[in-house]
Amino acid sequence: ADNTFPVHNAETLVNFYRNDVLTG
């Protein structure tokens, strides 16, 4: 309920994980 980090939207998360985590 009380996060110490910002909760991003789905587009931001998809762009981040496509660029920095996933490959191919």
PDB file of all heavy atoms in Angstrom:
ATOM      1  N   ALA A   1       0.833  -1.205   0.000  1.00  0.00           N
ATOM      2  CA  ALA A   1       0.000   0.000   0.000  1.00  0.00           C
ATOM      3  C   ALA A   1       0.870   1.258   0.000  1.00  0.00           C
ATOM      4  O   ALA A   1       0.612   2.204  -0.727  1.00  0.00           O
ATOM      5  CB  ALA A   1      -0.940  -0.008   1.197  1.00  0.00           C
ATOM      6  N   ASP A   2       1.956   1.262   0.823  1.00  0.00           N
ATOM      7  CA  ASP A   2       2.851   2.421   0.898  1.00  0.00           C
ATOM      8  C   ASP A   2       4.179   2.039   0.247  1.00  0.00           C
ATOM      9  O   ASP A   2       5.073   1.490   0.898  1.00  0.00           O
ATOM     10  CB  ASP A   2       3.083   2.826   2.363  1.00  0.00           C
ATOM     11  CG  ASP A   2       1.771   3.259   3.008  1.00  0.00           C
ATOM     12  OD1 ASP A   2       0.908   3.769   2.285  1.00  0.00           O
ATOM     13  OD2 ASP A   2       1.623   3.045   4.223  1.00  0.00           O
ATOM     14  N   ASN A   3       4.294   2.312  -1.039  1.00  0.00           N
ATOM     15  CA  ASN A   3       5.509   1.948  -1.769  1.00  0.00           C
ATOM     16  C   ASN A   3       6.575   3.015  -1.569  1.00  0.00           C
ATOM     17  O   ASN A   3       6.275   4.199  -1.452  1.00  0.00           O
ATOM     18  CB  ASN A   3       5.216   1.795  -3.265  1.00  0.00           C
ATOM     19  CG  ASN A   3       4.350   0.584  -3.555  1.00  0.00           C
ATOM     20  OD1 ASN A   3       4.492  -0.431  -2.905  1.00  0.00           O
ATOM     21  ND2 ASN A   3       3.465   0.705  -4.531  1.00  0.00           N
ATOM     22  N   THR A   4       7.834   2.558  -1.553  1.00  0.00           N
ATOM     23  CA  THR A   4       8.963   3.484  -1.513  1.00  0.00           C
ATOM     24  C   THR A   4       9.512   3.743  -2.901  1.00  0.00           C
ATOM     25  O   THR A   4      10.595   4.295  -3.038  1.00  0.00           O
ATOM     26  CB  THR A   4      10.072   2.904  -0.630  1.00  0.00           C
ATOM     27  OG1 THR A   4      10.454   1.628  -1.159  1.00  0.00           O
ATOM     28  CG2 THR A   4       9.592   2.730   0.796  1.00  0.00           C
ATOM     29  N   PHE A   5       8.776   3.345  -3.942  1.00  0.00           N
ATOM     30  CA  PHE A   5       9.212   3.536  -5.321  1.00  0.00           C
ATOM     31  C   PHE A   5       7.984   3.922  -6.142  1.00  0.00           C
ATOM     32  O   PHE A   5       6.859   3.581  -5.794  1.00  0.00           O
ATOM     33  CB  PHE A   5       9.838   2.255  -5.873  1.00  0.00           C
ATOM     34  CG  PHE A   5       8.990   1.025  -5.675  1.00  0.00           C
ATOM     35  CD1 PHE A   5       7.992   0.686  -6.575  1.00  0.00           C
ATOM     36  CD2 PHE A   5       9.192   0.220  -4.558  1.00  0.00           C
ATOM     37  CE1 PHE A   5       7.216  -0.427  -6.377  1.00  0.00           C
ATOM     38  CE2 PHE A   5       8.411  -0.904  -4.364  1.00  0.00           C
ATOM     39  CZ  PHE A   5       7.419  -1.226  -5.281  1.00  0.00           C
ATOM     40  N   PRO A   6       8.179   4.632  -7.247  1.00  0.00           N
ATOM     41  CA  PRO A   6       7.027   5.003  -8.084  1.00  0.00           C
ATOM     42  C   PRO A   6       6.516   3.823  -8.896  1.00  0.00           C
ATOM     43  O   PRO A   6       7.301   2.999  -9.375  1.00  0.00           O
ATOM     44  CB  PRO A   6       7.606   6.086  -9.000  1.00  0.00           C
ATOM     45  CG  PRO A   6       9.064   5.799  -9.052  1.00  0.00           C
ATOM     46  CD  PRO A   6       9.436   5.208  -7.723  1.00  0.00           C
ATOM     47  N   VAL A   7       5.205   3.721  -9.023  1.00  0.00           N
ATOM     48  CA  VAL A   7       4.570   2.677  -9.824  1.00  0.00           C
ATOM     49  C   VAL A   7       4.322   3.261 -11.221  1.00  0.00           C
ATOM     50  O   VAL A   7       3.580   4.228 -11.381  1.00  0.00           O
ATOM     51  CB  VAL A   7       3.254   2.195  -9.181  1.00  0.00           C
ATOM     52  CG1 VAL A   7       2.592   1.137 -10.060  1.00  0.00           C
ATOM     53  CG2 VAL A   7       3.521   1.640  -7.790  1.00  0.00           C
ATOM     54  N   HIS A   8       4.986   2.659 -12.226  1.00  0.00           N
ATOM     55  CA  HIS A   8       4.912   3.170 -13.588  1.00  0.00           C
ATOM     56  C   HIS A   8       3.733   2.533 -14.328  1.00  0.00           C
ATOM     57  O   HIS A   8       3.208   1.479 -13.921  1.00  0.00           O
ATOM     58  CB  HIS A   8       6.215   2.880 -14.326  1.00  0.00           C
ATOM     59  CG  HIS A   8       7.410   3.492 -13.671  1.00  0.00           C
ATOM     60  ND1 HIS A   8       7.743   4.824 -13.801  1.00  0.00           N
ATOM     61  CD2 HIS A   8       8.358   2.956 -12.847  1.00  0.00           C
ATOM     62  CE1 HIS A   8       8.836   5.078 -13.117  1.00  0.00           C
ATOM     63  NE2 HIS A   8       9.237   3.960 -12.515  1.00  0.00           N
ATOM     64  N   ASN A   9       3.392   3.145 -15.441  1.00  0.00           N
ATOM     65  CA  ASN A   9       2.323   2.593 -16.264  1.00  0.00           C
ATOM     66  C   ASN A   9       2.856   1.465 -17.144  1.00  0.00           C
ATOM     67  O   ASN A   9       4.057   1.208 -17.200  1.00  0.00           O
ATOM     68  CB  ASN A   9       1.669   3.677 -17.107  1.00  0.00           C
ATOM     69  CG  ASN A   9       2.694   4.432 -17.946  1.00  0.00           C
ATOM     70  OD1 ASN A   9       3.822   3.988 -18.083  1.00  0.00           O
ATOM     71  ND2 ASN A   9       2.309   5.562 -18.495  1.00  0.00           N
ATOM     72  N   ALA A  10       1.943   0.807 -17.844  1.00  0.00           N
ATOM     73  CA  ALA A  10       2.309  -0.381 -18.615  1.00  0.00           C
ATOM     74  C   ALA A  10       3.228  -0.034 -19.781  1.00  0.00           C
ATOM     75  O   ALA A  10       4.160  -0.803 -20.090  1.00  0.00           O
ATOM     76  CB  ALA A  10       1.044  -1.083 -19.122  1.00  0.00           C
ATOM     77  N   GLU A  11       3.034   1.100 -20.441  1.00  0.00           N
ATOM     78  CA  GLU A  11       3.864   1.466 -21.585  1.00  0.00           C
ATOM     79  C   GLU A  11       5.322   1.672 -21.172  1.00  0.00           C
ATOM     80  O   GLU A  11       6.246   1.181 -21.825  1.00  0.00           O
ATOM     81  CB  GLU A  11       3.322   2.744 -22.223  1.00  0.00           C
ATOM     82  CG  GLU A  11       1.955   2.562 -22.905  1.00  0.00           C
ATOM     83  CD  GLU A  11       1.449   3.858 -23.526  1.00  0.00           C
ATOM     84  OE1 GLU A  11       2.170   4.878 -23.369  1.00  0.00           O
ATOM     85  OE2 GLU A  11       0.379   3.835 -24.145  1.00  0.00           O
ATOM     86  N   THR A  12       5.526   2.389 -20.070  1.00  0.00           N
ATOM     87  CA  THR A  12       6.888   2.619 -19.576  1.00  0.00           C
ATOM     88  C   THR A  12       7.572   1.310 -19.227  1.00  0.00           C
ATOM     89  O   THR A  12       8.748   1.080 -19.560  1.00  0.00           O
ATOM     90  CB  THR A  12       6.852   3.536 -18.339  1.00  0.00           C
ATOM     91  OG1 THR A  12       6.139   4.714 -18.658  1.00  0.00           O
ATOM     92  CG2 THR A  12       8.259   3.898 -17.896  1.00  0.00           C
ATOM     93  N   LEU A  13       6.830   0.413 -18.551  1.00  0.00           N
ATOM     94  CA  LEU A  13       7.405  -0.876 -18.172  1.00  0.00           C
ATOM     95  C   LEU A  13       7.736  -1.714 -19.399  1.00  0.00           C
ATOM     96  O   LEU A  13       8.795  -2.357 -19.467  1.00  0.00           O
ATOM     97  CB  LEU A  13       6.428  -1.627 -17.256  1.00  0.00           C
ATOM     98  CG  LEU A  13       6.205  -1.006 -15.880  1.00  0.00           C
ATOM     99  CD1 LEU A  13       5.081  -1.715 -15.150  1.00  0.00           C
ATOM    100  CD2 LEU A  13       7.473  -1.067 -15.039  1.00  0.00           C
ATOM    101  N   VAL A  14       6.840  -1.722 -20.386  1.00  0.00           N
ATOM    102  CA  VAL A  14       7.089  -2.505 -21.609  1.00  0.00           C
ATOM    103  C   VAL A  14       8.327  -1.987 -22.330  1.00  0.00           C
ATOM    104  O   VAL A  14       9.193  -2.768 -22.773  1.00  0.00           O
ATOM    105  CB  VAL A  14       5.839  -2.477 -22.512  1.00  0.00           C
ATOM    106  CG1 VAL A  14       6.170  -3.016 -23.900  1.00  0.00           C
ATOM    107  CG2 VAL A  14       4.732  -3.320 -21.902  1.00  0.00           C
ATOM    108  N   ASN A  15       8.450  -0.663 -22.458  1.00  0.00           N
ATOM    109  CA  ASN A  15       9.628  -0.083 -23.129  1.00  0.00           C
ATOM    110  C   ASN A  15      10.914  -0.427 -22.376  1.00  0.00           C
ATOM    111  O   ASN A  15      11.933  -0.774 -22.990  1.00  0.00           O
ATOM    112  CB  ASN A  15       9.474   1.434 -23.238  1.00  0.00           C
ATOM    113  CG  ASN A  15       8.396   1.832 -24.209  1.00  0.00           C
ATOM    114  OD1 ASN A  15       8.179   1.140 -25.206  1.00  0.00           O
ATOM    115  ND2 ASN A  15       7.693   2.917 -23.925  1.00  0.00           N
ATOM    116  N   PHE A  16      10.872  -0.325 -21.042  1.00  0.00           N
ATOM    117  CA  PHE A  16      12.070  -0.627 -20.250  1.00  0.00           C
ATOM    118  C   PHE A  16      12.476  -2.092 -20.392  1.00  0.00           C
ATOM    119  O   PHE A  16      13.644  -2.403 -20.669  1.00  0.00           O
ATOM    120  CB  PHE A  16      11.810  -0.297 -18.774  1.00  0.00           C
ATOM    121  CG  PHE A  16      12.926  -0.744 -17.868  1.00  0.00           C
ATOM    122  CD1 PHE A  16      14.125  -0.049 -17.826  1.00  0.00           C
ATOM    123  CD2 PHE A  16      12.785  -1.864 -17.066  1.00  0.00           C
ATOM    124  CE1 PHE A  16      15.146  -0.458 -17.000  1.00  0.00           C
ATOM    125  CE2 PHE A  16      13.805  -2.276 -16.242  1.00  0.00           C
ATOM    126  CZ  PHE A  16      14.982  -1.576 -16.213  1.00  0.00           C
ATOM    127  N   TYR A  17      11.518  -3.005 -20.220  1.00  0.00           N
ATOM    128  CA  TYR A  17      11.864  -4.432 -20.260  1.00  0.00           C
ATOM    129  C   TYR A  17      12.227  -4.884 -21.676  1.00  0.00           C
ATOM    130  O   TYR A  17      13.039  -5.800 -21.844  1.00  0.00           O
ATOM    131  CB  TYR A  17      10.718  -5.275 -19.705  1.00  0.00           C
ATOM    132  CG  TYR A  17      10.649  -5.228 -18.203  1.00  0.00           C
ATOM    133  CD1 TYR A  17       9.766  -4.390 -17.539  1.00  0.00           C
ATOM    134  CD2 TYR A  17      11.505  -5.982 -17.423  1.00  0.00           C
ATOM    135  CE1 TYR A  17       9.716  -4.314 -16.158  1.00  0.00           C
ATOM    136  CE2 TYR A  17      11.465  -5.929 -16.037  1.00  0.00           C
ATOM    137  CZ  TYR A  17      10.574  -5.092 -15.412  1.00  0.00           C
ATOM    138  OH  TYR A  17      10.543  -5.031 -14.047  1.00  0.00           O
ATOM    139  N   ARG A  18      11.651  -4.251 -22.685  1.00  0.00           N
ATOM    140  CA  ARG A  18      12.046  -4.601 -24.053  1.00  0.00           C
ATOM    141  C   ARG A  18      13.457  -4.124 -24.367  1.00  0.00           C
ATOM    142  O   ARG A  18      14.192  -4.784 -25.098  1.00  0.00           O
ATOM    143  CB  ARG A  18      11.059  -3.982 -25.050  1.00  0.00           C
ATOM    144  CG  ARG A  18       9.715  -4.683 -25.070  1.00  0.00           C
ATOM    145  CD  ARG A  18       8.756  -4.051 -26.057  1.00  0.00           C
ATOM    146  NE  ARG A  18       9.203  -4.239 -27.431  1.00  0.00           N
ATOM    147  CZ  ARG A  18       8.532  -3.811 -28.492  1.00  0.00           C
ATOM    148  NH1 ARG A  18       7.381  -3.156 -28.325  1.00  0.00           N
ATOM    149  NH2 ARG A  18       8.997  -4.013 -29.705  1.00  0.00           N
ATOM    150  N   ASN A  19      13.864  -2.981 -23.799  1.00  0.00           N
ATOM    151  CA  ASN A  19      15.187  -2.423 -24.113  1.00  0.00           C
ATOM    152  C   ASN A  19      16.296  -2.971 -23.232  1.00  0.00           C
ATOM    153  O   ASN A  19      17.415  -3.171 -23.708  1.00  0.00           O
ATOM    154  CB  ASN A  19      15.147  -0.888 -23.991  1.00  0.00           C
ATOM    155  CG  ASN A  19      14.251  -0.260 -25.022  1.00  0.00           C
ATOM    156  OD1 ASN A  19      14.161  -0.757 -26.142  1.00  0.00           O
ATOM    157  ND2 ASN A  19      13.580   0.817 -24.659  1.00  0.00           N
ATOM    158  N   ASP A  20      16.016  -3.186 -21.936  1.00  0.00           N
ATOM    159  CA  ASP A  20      17.074  -3.483 -20.973  1.00  0.00           C
ATOM    160  C   ASP A  20      17.093  -4.918 -20.467  1.00  0.00           C
ATOM    161  O   ASP A  20      18.119  -5.344 -19.912  1.00  0.00           O
ATOM    162  CB  ASP A  20      16.959  -2.545 -19.755  1.00  0.00           C
ATOM    163  CG  ASP A  20      17.225  -1.108 -20.125  1.00  0.00           C
ATOM    164  OD1 ASP A  20      17.780  -0.893 -21.214  1.00  0.00           O
ATOM    165  OD2 ASP A  20      16.865  -0.204 -19.355  1.00  0.00           O
ATOM    166  N   VAL A  21      16.009  -5.672 -20.603  1.00  0.00           N
ATOM    167  CA  VAL A  21      15.963  -7.012 -20.006  1.00  0.00           C
ATOM    168  C   VAL A  21      15.836  -8.086 -21.078  1.00  0.00           C
ATOM    169  O   VAL A  21      16.651  -9.016 -21.150  1.00  0.00           O
ATOM    170  CB  VAL A  21      14.797  -7.110 -18.986  1.00  0.00           C
ATOM    171  CG1 VAL A  21      14.712  -8.523 -18.410  1.00  0.00           C
ATOM    172  CG2 VAL A  21      14.988  -6.099 -17.854  1.00  0.00           C
ATOM    173  N   LEU A  22      14.822  -7.986 -21.917  1.00  0.00           N
ATOM    174  CA  LEU A  22      14.557  -9.015 -22.915  1.00  0.00           C
ATOM    175  C   LEU A  22      15.442  -8.823 -24.137  1.00  0.00           C
ATOM    176  O   LEU A  22      15.936  -7.726 -24.420  1.00  0.00           O
ATOM    177  CB  LEU A  22      13.087  -8.976 -23.323  1.00  0.00           C
ATOM    178  CG  LEU A  22      12.066  -9.245 -22.198  1.00  0.00           C
ATOM    179  CD1 LEU A  22      10.666  -9.094 -22.724  1.00  0.00           C
ATOM    180  CD2 LEU A  22      12.266 -10.615 -21.582  1.00  0.00           C
ATOM    181  N   THR A  23      15.635  -9.924 -24.865  1.00  0.00           N
ATOM    182  CA  THR A  23      16.435  -9.892 -26.085  1.00  0.00           C
ATOM    183  C   THR A  23      15.739 -10.710 -27.162  1.00  0.00           C
ATOM    184  O   THR A  23      14.963 -11.628 -26.865  1.00  0.00           O
ATOM    185  CB  THR A  23      17.833 -10.475 -25.839  1.00  0.00           C
ATOM    186  OG1 THR A  23      17.698 -11.805 -25.322  1.00  0.00           O
ATOM    187  CG2 THR A  23      18.642  -9.632 -24.867  1.00  0.00           C
ATOM    188  N   GLY A  24      16.065 -10.396 -28.416  1.00  0.00           N
ATOM    189  CA  GLY A  24      15.603 -11.210 -29.524  1.00  0.00           C
ATOM    190  C   GLY A  24      14.095 -11.161 -29.714  1.00  0.00           C
ATOM    191  O   GLY A  24      13.433 -10.128 -29.623  1.00  0.00           O
TER     192      GLY A  24
END
